Structure formats: C-alpha cells, structure tokens
Amino acid sequence: MSRISLLAAVTVLFSAAPLSAQALAHTHGAAESRMPTDGGQSAFAAIAEIVKLLEADPGTDWSKVNLERLRLHLRDMDLVTLRSAVTSAPTAGGAIFTVRGTGETVGAIKRMTGAHVSMVEMTGGPRIVRTELADGVRLVVTVRDGDVRTGEARIRGLGFIGLMTSGDHHPMHHLMLARGEAMADHGNR
C-alpha cells in the first residue's frame, strides 16, 4: 500500500463525520455494503436511537441533555422486566398483581410502577390502585368502563408486564428523559 493510500485510509477512519454505508462499501468493498441497523444490546440501541434524534434536531438544547437519566431508566426497565417476581390473582373486574424483588430491583419496581400508574390515569386506561410493600408493590387493576368481561379478560391476558408495556408513550418518554425535560422520571436524575 502506498503512503498516499495509507494516509487516505487513516484520514477516512479518523474523520469526525461517521461513514455512510456507501462510503464503507467504497473503502471496504461491495461485500460489506449492507450495514446492520441494530445497535446491539437493547438499552445501547435505544440510547443510540435517541442520540440520532437529538443530533438531527437543530433545536436540541445540549446544556439540558442527560443521557445518564435515560440509561438509569432503561436499567430500571430491565430490572423490573427480568428480575422481579410477579404473582397474579383474579379479582372482580380485573386482577391483583404482586410484584416483588430484592436489592436494587425493589427501588426499580417502585419507581417504574409509580410513574406508570400516573401515565395510565392520564390516558384513561384501567383503574389501578397501587400499594407499596417492603419488597415491591401490589397493583389492583380493574376495568374503568365499557365491557367488563372483555376488559377483565384483557387485564388478565396482558398480565403485569403487558400492562406495563401497553400504550405508545415509551419512545417519546425516553426522548423527554434524555432532553432533560421536567416529567415523572421514576426518580432518576
């Protein structure tokens, strides 16, 4: 490889602007022209998506951006999803979910369910009565209105984690956390 080609390759590799798929295909050959779109681990990929949105928005106030706040929220999501123990029991019009954990999972359960109950209330979802326990929470989730039999079956079918994931507010919520906007942020600063 000539000194000029080596210098050009180093310049391309260390340029401040990320390489496009087309540029990578040109420098590495057509066999590598197809680029992956997933950032790997899900929290990393979610943060990468938010970073792209922030960088693309000329109105981003970088003095308020707080990606650590988003990272901690995503960590809480992981703890609640994968490390909590959930039991359920039927009740008239819905179900009772008891969500327990140990160590740092207890705090994550309390932060996530507290904020989610508020969100469900604002969007007119099912009625939720939340009671804190020493090691987690108890949620009594019942149909607010409409067809009680269908609503009851939906609550029981979704279960705790289905109810936590329902609604289309999560991506916007993540962007707001990263932008440092005032909101219920599950206690993560």
N, C-alpha and C. Protein backbone atom coordinates (compact mmCIF):
# COMPACT_ATOMS: atom_id res chain seq x y z
N MET A 1 0.86 -1.17 0.00
CA MET A 1 0.00 0.00 0.00
C MET A 1 0.90 1.23 0.00
N SER A 2 0.61 2.15 -0.86
CA SER A 2 1.44 3.35 -0.95
C SER A 2 1.18 4.25 0.25
N ARG A 3 2.11 5.18 0.49
CA ARG A 3 1.97 6.11 1.61
C ARG A 3 0.72 6.98 1.43
N ILE A 4 0.41 7.37 0.21
CA ILE A 4 -0.76 8.21 -0.05
C ILE A 4 -2.04 7.42 0.25
N SER A 5 -2.11 6.14 -0.16
CA SER A 5 -3.29 5.31 0.10
C SER A 5 -3.46 5.08 1.60
N LEU A 6 -2.34 4.84 2.29
CA LEU A 6 -2.40 4.64 3.73
C LEU A 6 -2.88 5.91 4.43
N LEU A 7 -2.37 7.05 4.02
CA LEU A 7 -2.79 8.33 4.58
C LEU A 7 -4.28 8.56 4.33
N ALA A 8 -4.75 8.25 3.15
CA ALA A 8 -6.17 8.42 2.81
C ALA A 8 -7.03 7.50 3.68
N ALA A 9 -6.60 6.26 3.87
CA ALA A 9 -7.36 5.31 4.69
C ALA A 9 -7.43 5.78 6.14
N VAL A 10 -6.30 6.25 6.68
CA VAL A 10 -6.28 6.74 8.06
C VAL A 10 -7.17 7.97 8.20
N THR A 11 -7.12 8.87 7.22
CA THR A 11 -7.96 10.07 7.25
C THR A 11 -9.43 9.69 7.28
N VAL A 12 -9.81 8.73 6.45
CA VAL A 12 -11.20 8.28 6.41
C VAL A 12 -11.60 7.66 7.74
N LEU A 13 -10.74 6.81 8.31
CA LEU A 13 -11.06 6.13 9.55
C LEU A 13 -11.22 7.08 10.73
N PHE A 14 -10.44 8.16 10.74
CA PHE A 14 -10.46 9.05 11.88
C PHE A 14 -11.18 10.37 11.62
N SER A 15 -11.93 10.45 10.54
CA SER A 15 -12.67 11.69 10.28
C SER A 15 -13.75 11.86 11.33
N ALA A 16 -14.14 13.11 11.61
CA ALA A 16 -15.14 13.40 12.63
C ALA A 16 -16.53 12.94 12.21
N ALA A 17 -16.80 12.92 10.92
CA ALA A 17 -18.12 12.54 10.44
C ALA A 17 -18.20 11.03 10.32
N PRO A 18 -19.30 10.41 10.76
CA PRO A 18 -19.44 8.97 10.61
C PRO A 18 -19.54 8.60 9.13
N LEU A 19 -19.04 7.43 8.81
CA LEU A 19 -19.08 6.97 7.43
C LEU A 19 -20.46 6.47 7.07
N SER A 20 -20.88 6.76 5.88
CA SER A 20 -22.16 6.23 5.41
C SER A 20 -21.93 4.82 4.90
N ALA A 21 -23.02 4.10 4.70
CA ALA A 21 -22.91 2.74 4.16
C ALA A 21 -22.23 2.78 2.80
N GLN A 22 -22.53 3.80 1.99
CA GLN A 22 -21.92 3.93 0.68
C GLN A 22 -20.41 4.13 0.80
N ALA A 23 -19.98 4.98 1.73
CA ALA A 23 -18.55 5.22 1.92
C ALA A 23 -17.86 3.96 2.41
N LEU A 24 -18.51 3.22 3.31
CA LEU A 24 -17.91 1.99 3.79
C LEU A 24 -17.81 0.96 2.67
N ALA A 25 -18.83 0.88 1.83
CA ALA A 25 -18.79 -0.05 0.71
C ALA A 25 -17.63 0.31 -0.22
N HIS A 26 -17.40 1.61 -0.42
CA HIS A 26 -16.32 2.06 -1.29
C HIS A 26 -14.95 1.72 -0.69
N THR A 27 -14.78 1.92 0.61
CA THR A 27 -13.48 1.68 1.24
C THR A 27 -13.25 0.23 1.59
N HIS A 28 -14.32 -0.56 1.76
CA HIS A 28 -14.15 -1.94 2.18
C HIS A 28 -14.66 -2.96 1.17
N GLY A 29 -15.16 -2.52 0.07
CA GLY A 29 -15.62 -3.45 -0.95
C GLY A 29 -17.12 -3.68 -0.89
N ALA A 30 -17.67 -4.11 -2.00
CA ALA A 30 -19.12 -4.30 -2.13
C ALA A 30 -19.67 -5.36 -1.20
N ALA A 31 -18.86 -6.33 -0.80
CA ALA A 31 -19.34 -7.40 0.06
C ALA A 31 -19.83 -6.87 1.40
N GLU A 32 -19.32 -5.72 1.82
CA GLU A 32 -19.71 -5.17 3.10
C GLU A 32 -20.66 -3.99 2.97
N SER A 33 -21.33 -3.85 1.84
CA SER A 33 -22.19 -2.69 1.61
C SER A 33 -23.48 -2.73 2.41
N ARG A 34 -23.85 -3.88 2.91
CA ARG A 34 -25.06 -3.98 3.72
C ARG A 34 -24.67 -3.74 5.18
N MET A 35 -25.26 -2.71 5.78
CA MET A 35 -24.90 -2.32 7.14
C MET A 35 -25.97 -2.77 8.13
N PRO A 36 -25.55 -3.22 9.30
CA PRO A 36 -26.54 -3.56 10.32
C PRO A 36 -27.27 -2.30 10.78
N THR A 37 -28.48 -2.46 11.27
CA THR A 37 -29.25 -1.31 11.74
C THR A 37 -29.46 -1.35 13.24
N ASP A 38 -29.26 -2.48 13.88
CA ASP A 38 -29.47 -2.59 15.32
C ASP A 38 -28.16 -2.32 16.04
N GLY A 39 -28.23 -1.53 17.11
CA GLY A 39 -27.04 -1.15 17.87
C GLY A 39 -26.55 -2.21 18.82
N GLY A 40 -27.13 -3.41 18.79
CA GLY A 40 -26.67 -4.48 19.67
C GLY A 40 -27.59 -4.62 20.86
N GLN A 41 -27.05 -4.53 22.05
CA GLN A 41 -27.81 -4.66 23.29
C GLN A 41 -28.94 -3.63 23.29
N SER A 42 -30.10 -4.01 23.79
CA SER A 42 -31.30 -3.17 23.61
C SER A 42 -31.20 -1.79 24.26
N ALA A 43 -30.64 -1.66 25.45
CA ALA A 43 -30.52 -0.34 26.06
C ALA A 43 -29.56 0.53 25.25
N PHE A 44 -28.46 -0.06 24.81
CA PHE A 44 -27.50 0.67 23.98
C PHE A 44 -28.17 1.14 22.69
N ALA A 45 -28.95 0.27 22.07
CA ALA A 45 -29.64 0.61 20.82
C ALA A 45 -30.68 1.72 21.06
N ALA A 46 -31.39 1.66 22.19
CA ALA A 46 -32.39 2.69 22.49
C ALA A 46 -31.71 4.05 22.69
N ILE A 47 -30.58 4.05 23.38
CA ILE A 47 -29.85 5.31 23.60
C ILE A 47 -29.30 5.82 22.27
N ALA A 48 -28.78 4.91 21.45
CA ALA A 48 -28.24 5.32 20.14
C ALA A 48 -29.33 5.96 19.29
N GLU A 49 -30.53 5.41 19.33
CA GLU A 49 -31.65 5.98 18.57
C GLU A 49 -31.96 7.40 19.06
N ILE A 50 -31.97 7.59 20.37
CA ILE A 50 -32.23 8.92 20.93
C ILE A 50 -31.12 9.89 20.55
N VAL A 51 -29.87 9.45 20.59
CA VAL A 51 -28.75 10.31 20.20
C VAL A 51 -28.91 10.77 18.75
N LYS A 52 -29.32 9.86 17.87
CA LYS A 52 -29.55 10.24 16.46
C LYS A 52 -30.61 11.33 16.37
N LEU A 53 -31.69 11.17 17.11
CA LEU A 53 -32.77 12.17 17.09
C LEU A 53 -32.29 13.52 17.64
N LEU A 54 -31.55 13.48 18.73
CA LEU A 54 -31.03 14.72 19.31
C LEU A 54 -30.07 15.41 18.35
N GLU A 55 -29.18 14.64 17.72
CA GLU A 55 -28.21 15.23 16.78
C GLU A 55 -28.88 15.78 15.53
N ALA A 56 -29.99 15.18 15.13
CA ALA A 56 -30.70 15.63 13.93
C ALA A 56 -31.56 16.86 14.19
N ASP A 57 -31.82 17.16 15.45
CA ASP A 57 -32.69 18.28 15.81
C ASP A 57 -31.85 19.52 16.10
N PRO A 58 -31.89 20.52 15.22
CA PRO A 58 -31.09 21.73 15.46
C PRO A 58 -31.53 22.49 16.71
N GLY A 59 -32.71 22.20 17.23
CA GLY A 59 -33.20 22.87 18.42
C GLY A 59 -32.79 22.20 19.72
N THR A 60 -32.01 21.13 19.64
CA THR A 60 -31.58 20.44 20.86
C THR A 60 -30.80 21.38 21.76
N ASP A 61 -31.22 21.47 23.00
CA ASP A 61 -30.50 22.27 24.00
C ASP A 61 -29.55 21.32 24.71
N TRP A 62 -28.31 21.27 24.23
CA TRP A 62 -27.32 20.33 24.74
C TRP A 62 -26.98 20.57 26.20
N SER A 63 -27.25 21.77 26.71
CA SER A 63 -26.97 22.05 28.12
C SER A 63 -27.95 21.31 29.03
N LYS A 64 -29.07 20.83 28.48
CA LYS A 64 -30.07 20.11 29.26
C LYS A 64 -30.06 18.60 29.01
N VAL A 65 -29.39 18.17 27.96
CA VAL A 65 -29.39 16.74 27.61
C VAL A 65 -28.77 15.94 28.75
N ASN A 66 -29.44 14.83 29.10
CA ASN A 66 -28.98 13.99 30.20
C ASN A 66 -29.22 12.53 29.83
N LEU A 67 -28.30 11.96 29.09
CA LEU A 67 -28.44 10.57 28.66
C LEU A 67 -28.25 9.60 29.82
N GLU A 68 -27.58 10.02 30.86
CA GLU A 68 -27.43 9.17 32.04
C GLU A 68 -28.79 8.91 32.69
N ARG A 69 -29.64 9.91 32.69
CA ARG A 69 -31.00 9.78 33.21
C ARG A 69 -31.76 8.70 32.42
N LEU A 70 -31.63 8.73 31.11
CA LEU A 70 -32.26 7.71 30.27
C LEU A 70 -31.65 6.35 30.54
N ARG A 71 -30.33 6.28 30.66
CA ARG A 71 -29.66 4.99 30.91
C ARG A 71 -30.18 4.37 32.22
N LEU A 72 -30.32 5.18 33.26
CA LEU A 72 -30.81 4.67 34.53
C LEU A 72 -32.26 4.19 34.42
N HIS A 73 -33.07 4.90 33.65
CA HIS A 73 -34.45 4.47 33.42
C HIS A 73 -34.48 3.13 32.68
N LEU A 74 -33.66 2.99 31.66
CA LEU A 74 -33.60 1.73 30.91
C LEU A 74 -33.12 0.59 31.81
N ARG A 75 -32.23 0.90 32.72
CA ARG A 75 -31.76 -0.09 33.69
C ARG A 75 -32.92 -0.52 34.58
N ASP A 76 -33.72 0.46 35.05
CA ASP A 76 -34.89 0.11 35.85
C ASP A 76 -35.85 -0.78 35.06
N MET A 77 -36.04 -0.45 33.79
CA MET A 77 -36.91 -1.28 32.94
C MET A 77 -36.41 -2.72 32.90
N ASP A 78 -35.11 -2.88 32.76
CA ASP A 78 -34.51 -4.21 32.72
C ASP A 78 -34.72 -4.95 34.04
N LEU A 79 -34.47 -4.26 35.16
CA LEU A 79 -34.65 -4.89 36.47
C LEU A 79 -36.09 -5.35 36.69
N VAL A 80 -37.05 -4.49 36.34
CA VAL A 80 -38.45 -4.84 36.53
C VAL A 80 -38.86 -5.99 35.60
N THR A 81 -38.41 -5.91 34.36
CA THR A 81 -38.80 -6.92 33.37
C THR A 81 -38.18 -8.29 33.66
N LEU A 82 -36.91 -8.32 34.02
CA LEU A 82 -36.20 -9.59 34.11
C LEU A 82 -35.89 -10.08 35.52
N ARG A 83 -35.96 -9.22 36.51
CA ARG A 83 -35.52 -9.64 37.84
C ARG A 83 -36.59 -9.54 38.93
N SER A 84 -37.79 -9.18 38.56
CA SER A 84 -38.85 -9.13 39.58
C SER A 84 -39.65 -10.43 39.52
N ALA A 85 -40.29 -10.74 40.63
CA ALA A 85 -41.18 -11.91 40.70
C ALA A 85 -42.60 -11.39 40.78
N VAL A 86 -43.47 -11.90 39.91
CA VAL A 86 -44.85 -11.41 39.84
C VAL A 86 -45.81 -12.56 40.10
N THR A 87 -46.75 -12.32 41.00
CA THR A 87 -47.85 -13.27 41.16
C THR A 87 -49.13 -12.52 40.81
N SER A 88 -50.10 -13.26 40.33
CA SER A 88 -51.38 -12.62 39.98
C SER A 88 -52.52 -13.45 40.54
N ALA A 89 -53.59 -12.74 40.81
CA ALA A 89 -54.82 -13.39 41.29
C ALA A 89 -56.00 -12.65 40.69
N PRO A 90 -57.03 -13.37 40.32
CA PRO A 90 -58.21 -12.69 39.77
C PRO A 90 -58.94 -11.91 40.86
N THR A 91 -59.56 -10.83 40.43
CA THR A 91 -60.45 -10.06 41.29
C THR A 91 -61.59 -9.57 40.40
N ALA A 92 -62.69 -9.19 40.98
CA ALA A 92 -63.83 -8.74 40.18
C ALA A 92 -63.42 -7.58 39.28
N GLY A 93 -63.57 -7.77 37.97
CA GLY A 93 -63.25 -6.72 37.01
C GLY A 93 -61.79 -6.62 36.62
N GLY A 94 -60.95 -7.55 37.07
CA GLY A 94 -59.54 -7.47 36.70
C GLY A 94 -58.65 -8.45 37.41
N ALA A 95 -57.53 -7.95 37.93
CA ALA A 95 -56.55 -8.82 38.57
C ALA A 95 -55.75 -8.04 39.61
N ILE A 96 -55.16 -8.80 40.53
CA ILE A 96 -54.24 -8.25 41.51
C ILE A 96 -52.86 -8.78 41.16
N PHE A 97 -51.91 -7.86 40.97
CA PHE A 97 -50.53 -8.24 40.66
C PHE A 97 -49.65 -7.83 41.83
N THR A 98 -48.94 -8.79 42.38
CA THR A 98 -47.97 -8.51 43.43
C THR A 98 -46.60 -8.68 42.81
N VAL A 99 -45.83 -7.59 42.84
CA VAL A 99 -44.53 -7.54 42.16
C VAL A 99 -43.48 -7.35 43.23
N ARG A 100 -42.57 -8.32 43.33
CA ARG A 100 -41.56 -8.28 44.39
C ARG A 100 -40.16 -8.42 43.80
N GLY A 101 -39.21 -7.94 44.59
CA GLY A 101 -37.82 -8.07 44.18
C GLY A 101 -36.91 -8.02 45.38
N THR A 102 -35.62 -8.07 45.10
CA THR A 102 -34.61 -7.94 46.15
C THR A 102 -33.60 -6.90 45.70
N GLY A 103 -32.89 -6.34 46.67
CA GLY A 103 -31.83 -5.39 46.36
C GLY A 103 -32.33 -4.21 45.55
N GLU A 104 -31.55 -3.87 44.51
CA GLU A 104 -31.88 -2.70 43.68
C GLU A 104 -33.15 -2.87 42.86
N THR A 105 -33.62 -4.08 42.71
CA THR A 105 -34.86 -4.33 41.97
C THR A 105 -36.06 -3.73 42.68
N VAL A 106 -36.05 -3.71 44.02
CA VAL A 106 -37.17 -3.15 44.79
C VAL A 106 -37.39 -1.69 44.41
N GLY A 107 -36.34 -0.89 44.40
CA GLY A 107 -36.46 0.52 44.03
C GLY A 107 -36.94 0.69 42.61
N ALA A 108 -36.44 -0.14 41.70
CA ALA A 108 -36.85 -0.06 40.30
C ALA A 108 -38.35 -0.36 40.17
N ILE A 109 -38.83 -1.36 40.89
CA ILE A 109 -40.26 -1.70 40.86
C ILE A 109 -41.09 -0.51 41.32
N LYS A 110 -40.69 0.11 42.40
CA LYS A 110 -41.45 1.24 42.95
C LYS A 110 -41.42 2.44 42.02
N ARG A 111 -40.25 2.74 41.43
CA ARG A 111 -40.16 3.89 40.51
C ARG A 111 -40.98 3.64 39.24
N MET A 112 -40.81 2.47 38.65
CA MET A 112 -41.49 2.18 37.38
C MET A 112 -43.01 2.11 37.54
N THR A 113 -43.49 1.43 38.56
CA THR A 113 -44.94 1.32 38.71
C THR A 113 -45.56 2.64 39.13
N GLY A 114 -44.87 3.42 39.94
CA GLY A 114 -45.41 4.73 40.35
C GLY A 114 -45.64 5.63 39.16
N ALA A 115 -44.64 5.72 38.30
CA ALA A 115 -44.77 6.57 37.12
C ALA A 115 -45.78 6.00 36.13
N HIS A 116 -45.82 4.68 35.99
CA HIS A 116 -46.72 4.07 35.01
C HIS A 116 -48.18 4.23 35.43
N VAL A 117 -48.46 4.11 36.71
CA VAL A 117 -49.84 4.31 37.18
C VAL A 117 -50.30 5.71 36.83
N SER A 118 -49.43 6.69 37.01
CA SER A 118 -49.78 8.08 36.64
C SER A 118 -50.08 8.19 35.16
N MET A 119 -49.28 7.55 34.33
CA MET A 119 -49.47 7.60 32.88
C MET A 119 -50.79 6.93 32.49
N VAL A 120 -51.10 5.79 33.09
CA VAL A 120 -52.35 5.09 32.80
C VAL A 120 -53.55 5.97 33.18
N GLU A 121 -53.46 6.62 34.31
CA GLU A 121 -54.53 7.52 34.75
C GLU A 121 -54.75 8.64 33.72
N MET A 122 -53.66 9.23 33.23
CA MET A 122 -53.77 10.34 32.26
C MET A 122 -54.36 9.89 30.94
N THR A 123 -54.15 8.63 30.57
CA THR A 123 -54.61 8.17 29.26
C THR A 123 -55.94 7.43 29.33
N GLY A 124 -56.56 7.37 30.51
CA GLY A 124 -57.88 6.74 30.63
C GLY A 124 -57.86 5.23 30.58
N GLY A 125 -56.75 4.62 30.94
CA GLY A 125 -56.66 3.16 30.96
C GLY A 125 -57.42 2.57 32.14
N PRO A 126 -57.12 1.34 32.49
CA PRO A 126 -57.83 0.72 33.61
C PRO A 126 -57.55 1.44 34.93
N ARG A 127 -58.40 1.21 35.89
CA ARG A 127 -58.23 1.78 37.23
C ARG A 127 -57.15 0.96 37.92
N ILE A 128 -56.19 1.64 38.54
CA ILE A 128 -55.10 0.94 39.24
C ILE A 128 -54.95 1.52 40.64
N VAL A 129 -55.02 0.64 41.62
CA VAL A 129 -54.74 1.03 43.00
C VAL A 129 -53.39 0.40 43.34
N ARG A 130 -52.43 1.26 43.67
CA ARG A 130 -51.05 0.82 43.93
C ARG A 130 -50.74 0.95 45.41
N THR A 131 -50.24 -0.14 45.98
CA THR A 131 -49.85 -0.16 47.38
C THR A 131 -48.40 -0.59 47.46
N GLU A 132 -47.56 0.22 48.11
CA GLU A 132 -46.15 -0.15 48.26
C GLU A 132 -46.01 -1.20 49.37
N LEU A 133 -45.16 -2.16 49.12
CA LEU A 133 -44.79 -3.20 50.08
C LEU A 133 -43.31 -3.01 50.39
N ALA A 134 -42.82 -3.65 51.41
CA ALA A 134 -41.40 -3.52 51.76
C ALA A 134 -40.51 -3.98 50.60
N ASP A 135 -40.96 -5.01 49.88
CA ASP A 135 -40.13 -5.57 48.80
C ASP A 135 -40.72 -5.39 47.41
N GLY A 136 -41.63 -4.44 47.25
CA GLY A 136 -42.22 -4.21 45.93
C GLY A 136 -43.53 -3.45 46.01
N VAL A 137 -44.50 -3.89 45.19
CA VAL A 137 -45.82 -3.25 45.16
C VAL A 137 -46.92 -4.28 44.92
N ARG A 138 -48.13 -3.87 45.27
CA ARG A 138 -49.33 -4.62 44.90
C ARG A 138 -50.17 -3.69 44.06
N LEU A 139 -50.58 -4.17 42.90
CA LEU A 139 -51.43 -3.39 41.99
C LEU A 139 -52.77 -4.11 41.84
N VAL A 140 -53.84 -3.40 42.15
CA VAL A 140 -55.18 -3.93 41.89
C VAL A 140 -55.65 -3.19 40.64
N VAL A 141 -55.78 -3.94 39.55
CA VAL A 141 -56.09 -3.37 38.24
C VAL A 141 -57.49 -3.83 37.83
N THR A 142 -58.39 -2.87 37.62
CA THR A 142 -59.76 -3.21 37.25
C THR A 142 -60.24 -2.35 36.09
N VAL A 143 -61.25 -2.84 35.43
CA VAL A 143 -61.85 -2.17 34.28
C VAL A 143 -62.43 -0.83 34.74
N ARG A 144 -62.14 0.21 33.99
CA ARG A 144 -62.66 1.54 34.32
C ARG A 144 -64.10 1.69 33.81
N ASP A 145 -64.32 1.30 32.57
CA ASP A 145 -65.66 1.38 31.99
C ASP A 145 -65.71 0.48 30.76
N GLY A 146 -66.86 0.41 30.12
CA GLY A 146 -67.01 -0.42 28.93
C GLY A 146 -67.41 -1.84 29.28
N ASP A 147 -67.14 -2.74 28.38
CA ASP A 147 -67.49 -4.15 28.53
C ASP A 147 -66.60 -4.78 29.61
N VAL A 148 -67.17 -5.04 30.76
CA VAL A 148 -66.40 -5.54 31.90
C VAL A 148 -65.78 -6.90 31.60
N ARG A 149 -66.51 -7.78 30.96
CA ARG A 149 -65.99 -9.12 30.69
C ARG A 149 -64.77 -9.05 29.77
N THR A 150 -64.86 -8.26 28.70
CA THR A 150 -63.74 -8.11 27.77
C THR A 150 -62.57 -7.41 28.45
N GLY A 151 -62.85 -6.35 29.20
CA GLY A 151 -61.81 -5.61 29.90
C GLY A 151 -61.09 -6.47 30.93
N GLU A 152 -61.86 -7.24 31.66
CA GLU A 152 -61.32 -8.15 32.66
C GLU A 152 -60.40 -9.18 31.99
N ALA A 153 -60.85 -9.75 30.88
CA ALA A 153 -60.03 -10.73 30.15
C ALA A 153 -58.76 -10.09 29.62
N ARG A 154 -58.86 -8.85 29.14
CA ARG A 154 -57.69 -8.14 28.62
C ARG A 154 -56.66 -7.92 29.73
N ILE A 155 -57.09 -7.44 30.88
CA ILE A 155 -56.19 -7.20 32.01
C ILE A 155 -55.49 -8.49 32.40
N ARG A 156 -56.24 -9.56 32.53
CA ARG A 156 -55.67 -10.85 32.93
C ARG A 156 -54.76 -11.41 31.84
N GLY A 157 -55.16 -11.21 30.58
CA GLY A 157 -54.34 -11.71 29.47
C GLY A 157 -53.01 -10.97 29.34
N LEU A 158 -53.05 -9.66 29.50
CA LEU A 158 -51.82 -8.88 29.42
C LEU A 158 -50.90 -9.17 30.60
N GLY A 159 -51.48 -9.39 31.75
CA GLY A 159 -50.66 -9.60 32.94
C GLY A 159 -49.91 -8.32 33.31
N PHE A 160 -49.08 -8.41 34.33
CA PHE A 160 -48.35 -7.24 34.80
C PHE A 160 -47.47 -6.63 33.71
N ILE A 161 -46.63 -7.45 33.08
CA ILE A 161 -45.67 -6.87 32.13
C ILE A 161 -46.36 -6.36 30.88
N GLY A 162 -47.44 -6.98 30.46
CA GLY A 162 -48.20 -6.48 29.32
C GLY A 162 -48.81 -5.13 29.61
N LEU A 163 -49.33 -4.97 30.83
CA LEU A 163 -49.89 -3.67 31.22
C LEU A 163 -48.80 -2.61 31.30
N MET A 164 -47.61 -2.99 31.77
CA MET A 164 -46.50 -2.03 31.86
C MET A 164 -46.04 -1.58 30.48
N THR A 165 -46.16 -2.44 29.49
CA THR A 165 -45.67 -2.09 28.15
C THR A 165 -46.75 -1.50 27.25
N SER A 166 -48.01 -1.58 27.66
CA SER A 166 -49.07 -1.10 26.78
C SER A 166 -49.06 0.42 26.68
N GLY A 167 -49.53 0.89 25.56
CA GLY A 167 -49.52 2.33 25.30
C GLY A 167 -48.33 2.69 24.43
N ASP A 168 -48.45 3.75 23.71
CA ASP A 168 -47.41 4.13 22.76
C ASP A 168 -46.60 5.33 23.26
N HIS A 169 -46.51 5.47 24.57
CA HIS A 169 -45.82 6.63 25.13
C HIS A 169 -44.34 6.41 25.39
N HIS A 170 -43.85 5.18 25.33
CA HIS A 170 -42.48 4.89 25.75
C HIS A 170 -41.40 5.60 24.93
N PRO A 171 -41.43 5.56 23.59
CA PRO A 171 -40.37 6.25 22.85
C PRO A 171 -40.32 7.76 23.14
N MET A 172 -41.47 8.42 23.20
CA MET A 172 -41.48 9.85 23.49
C MET A 172 -41.00 10.10 24.91
N HIS A 173 -41.39 9.24 25.82
CA HIS A 173 -40.95 9.35 27.21
C HIS A 173 -39.42 9.28 27.28
N HIS A 174 -38.83 8.37 26.53
CA HIS A 174 -37.37 8.23 26.53
C HIS A 174 -36.70 9.48 25.97
N LEU A 175 -37.26 10.05 24.92
CA LEU A 175 -36.71 11.27 24.35
C LEU A 175 -36.81 12.42 25.36
N MET A 176 -37.94 12.52 26.05
CA MET A 176 -38.11 13.59 27.03
C MET A 176 -37.13 13.43 28.19
N LEU A 177 -36.91 12.20 28.65
CA LEU A 177 -35.92 11.96 29.71
C LEU A 177 -34.54 12.43 29.26
N ALA A 178 -34.15 12.04 28.05
CA ALA A 178 -32.83 12.39 27.53
C ALA A 178 -32.67 13.90 27.35
N ARG A 179 -33.75 14.58 26.96
CA ARG A 179 -33.69 16.03 26.77
C ARG A 179 -33.66 16.79 28.09
N GLY A 180 -33.84 16.08 29.19
CA GLY A 180 -33.82 16.74 30.49
C GLY A 180 -35.10 17.49 30.79
N GLU A 181 -36.19 17.12 30.10
CA GLU A 181 -37.46 17.81 30.30
C GLU A 181 -38.10 17.39 31.61
N ALA A 182 -38.80 18.32 32.24
CA ALA A 182 -39.47 18.04 33.51
C ALA A 182 -40.60 17.05 33.28
N MET A 183 -40.58 15.98 34.04
CA MET A 183 -41.63 14.97 33.96
C MET A 183 -41.40 13.94 35.05
N ALA A 184 -42.39 13.09 35.23
CA ALA A 184 -42.21 11.98 36.16
C ALA A 184 -41.14 11.07 35.56
N ASP A 185 -39.98 11.02 36.20
CA ASP A 185 -38.88 10.26 35.59
C ASP A 185 -38.46 9.08 36.44
N HIS A 186 -39.33 8.59 37.26
CA HIS A 186 -39.05 7.40 38.04
C HIS A 186 -37.94 7.60 39.05
N GLY A 187 -37.72 8.84 39.45
CA GLY A 187 -36.71 9.11 40.47
C GLY A 187 -35.29 9.17 39.94
N ASN A 188 -35.09 9.03 38.64
CA ASN A 188 -33.74 9.11 38.08
C ASN A 188 -33.44 10.56 37.70
N ARG A 189 -32.34 11.07 38.15
CA ARG A 189 -31.99 12.47 37.89
C ARG A 189 -30.87 12.56 36.91
